[in-house]
Every structure is written in C-alpha cells, then in structure tokens.
Protein backbone atom coordinates (compact mmCIF):
# COMPACT_ATOMS: atom_id res chain seq x y z
CA MET A 1 -13.51 12.62 -6.82
CA ILE A 2 -13.95 9.33 -5.01
CA ASP A 3 -16.66 9.04 -2.37
CA ASN A 4 -15.67 5.78 -0.68
CA LEU A 5 -12.32 4.05 -1.24
CA LEU A 6 -13.34 0.93 0.68
CA ASP A 7 -16.05 0.10 -1.87
CA LEU A 8 -13.64 0.12 -4.83
CA VAL A 9 -11.89 -3.18 -4.06
CA LYS A 10 -13.31 -6.41 -2.69
CA TYR A 11 -11.63 -9.29 -0.86
CA HIS A 12 -11.13 -12.56 -2.75
CA ASP A 13 -10.04 -15.83 -1.16
CA ASP A 14 -6.33 -16.58 -1.61
CA GLN A 15 -5.56 -13.58 -3.81
CA ILE A 16 -4.79 -9.90 -3.64
CA ALA A 17 -7.16 -7.49 -5.38
CA SER A 18 -5.88 -4.15 -6.62
CA ARG A 19 -7.16 -1.14 -8.46
CA SER A 20 -5.20 1.73 -9.93
CA LEU A 21 -6.68 5.16 -9.21
CA THR A 22 -4.18 7.14 -11.28
CA LYS A 23 -6.36 7.64 -14.38
CA LYS A 24 -9.55 8.16 -12.37
CA LEU A 25 -7.90 10.97 -10.41
CA LYS A 26 -6.17 12.32 -13.56
CA ILE A 27 -2.70 12.51 -12.06
CA ASP A 28 0.71 11.12 -12.96
CA ASN A 29 1.67 9.63 -9.58
CA PRO A 30 0.91 5.94 -9.19
CA ILE A 31 -1.93 5.46 -6.70
CA THR A 32 -3.15 1.92 -6.00
CA LEU A 33 -5.80 0.54 -3.71
CA TYR A 34 -5.29 -3.05 -2.44
CA ALA A 35 -7.44 -5.61 -0.64
CA LEU A 36 -5.25 -8.24 1.03
CA PRO A 37 -6.99 -11.13 2.79
CA VAL A 38 -5.41 -12.21 6.07
CA GLY A 39 -2.12 -14.04 5.45
CA GLU A 40 -1.54 -12.66 1.95
CA SER A 41 1.69 -10.82 1.22
CA ILE A 42 3.52 -8.71 -1.33
CA SER A 43 7.18 -9.72 -1.16
CA ASN A 44 10.41 -7.91 -1.93
CA GLU A 45 9.21 -4.99 -3.99
CA SER A 46 10.69 -1.54 -4.46
CA SER A 47 9.99 1.59 -6.48
CA LYS A 48 12.00 4.49 -7.83
CA TRP A 49 9.49 6.70 -5.98
CA CYS A 50 8.80 7.08 -2.26
CA LYS A 51 5.70 5.22 -1.10
CA LEU A 52 3.06 6.31 1.35
CA ILE A 53 1.11 3.35 2.70
CA GLN A 54 -2.15 4.05 4.52
CA VAL A 55 -4.13 1.24 6.10
CA LEU A 56 -7.80 1.99 5.55
CA GLU A 57 -9.04 -1.21 7.20
CA GLY A 58 -7.33 -4.04 9.11
CA SER A 59 -3.63 -4.18 9.99
CA LEU A 60 -0.49 -4.70 7.98
CA GLN A 61 3.07 -5.74 8.78
CA VAL A 62 5.78 -3.99 6.78
CA GLU A 63 9.30 -5.43 6.73
CA ILE A 64 12.28 -3.30 5.70
CA ARG A 65 15.87 -4.59 6.08
CA GLY A 66 14.75 -7.15 8.67
CA ASP A 67 12.88 -4.58 10.79
CA LYS A 68 9.14 -5.20 11.16
CA TYR A 69 6.54 -2.48 11.65
CA VAL A 70 2.80 -2.84 12.20
CA ILE A 71 0.45 -0.30 10.70
CA SER A 72 -3.07 -0.49 12.11
CA HIS A 73 -6.40 0.90 10.93
CA GLN A 74 -5.95 4.49 9.70
CA GLY A 75 -2.15 4.35 10.18
CA LEU A 76 0.29 5.81 7.67
CA MET A 77 3.90 4.93 6.85
CA SER A 78 6.45 6.18 4.33
CA ILE A 79 8.95 3.96 2.55
CA ALA A 80 12.03 5.48 0.91
CA ALA A 81 12.60 5.26 -2.83
CA ASN A 82 14.45 2.12 -3.98
CA GLN A 83 13.95 0.49 -0.56
CA VAL A 84 13.14 -3.22 -0.82
CA HIS A 85 10.20 -4.05 1.45
CA SER A 86 7.50 -6.67 2.04
CA LEU A 87 3.88 -6.29 3.11
CA TYR A 88 1.93 -8.94 5.06
CA ALA A 89 -1.76 -8.77 6.01
CA LEU A 90 -2.20 -9.57 9.72
CA GLU A 91 -5.96 -9.46 9.14
CA ASP A 92 -8.15 -8.63 6.14
CA SER A 93 -6.70 -5.28 5.10
CA LYS A 94 -7.40 -2.58 2.57
CA ILE A 95 -4.53 -0.23 1.89
CA LEU A 96 -3.93 2.85 -0.20
CA GLN A 97 -0.46 3.17 -1.74
CA ILE A 98 0.59 6.55 -3.11
CA GLU A 99 3.94 6.91 -4.85
CA VAL A 100 5.64 10.32 -4.85
CA GLU A 101 8.88 11.54 -6.33
CA ASP A 102 11.61 12.31 -3.80
CA LYS A 103 12.79 15.82 -4.64
CA ARG A 104 15.30 16.13 -1.80
CA PRO A 105 18.84 16.97 -2.93
CA LYS A 106 21.05 13.90 -3.15
C-alpha cells in the first residue's frame, strides 16, 4: 500500500526524478512515478506494453506521430504498445506511468 504518491518523488532542477513502484507493490507490471520540472522532456520512447499515463500534478504534453495532446491535473491517457511518443512538462508535473500487456487479438 502507498499512502501518498506525491511524496515519493521530489523535483530537482534540470533533471527528471523517477521511482519504480513495481517491487514495492509486488507486481510484475512496470509502474513508475516521475517528477518532471517545467520544460523537461522524455523523448522518443516506446514500450512493448501499453502505457497508462496519469498526471497527478501539473500538466503534460504528449506527442504521438506529430499529434500533440495535453493532459492536465488528474487526467489519464493511454498509449498503444510499440508507439513512439514524447512527453514534455508544461509546468512542474508528477506523473504515474503504468505499463500493461495488450491482450487483444492481433
């Protein structure tokens, strides 16, 4: 159990802080908490799993295939498996990223 996600990562000037919650929650799915100061970004990443991105604090721009989406405080977005995407902090932002296997038939 985790009482307060926001207290688990702190902002640091000019760098992204992250913390894996996978072992703490005793599960196999990758779960990561990030603190991105305004202007910081995570560029051109993808995963073999689908991603759920929830903004816990702040606002985040997500770019997928040239399309830009803004997720605000408490917003949630899914990103398909193997989809290259970028994240950009429009303000100091803490986000929770949960990766889940896509079990839909192909």
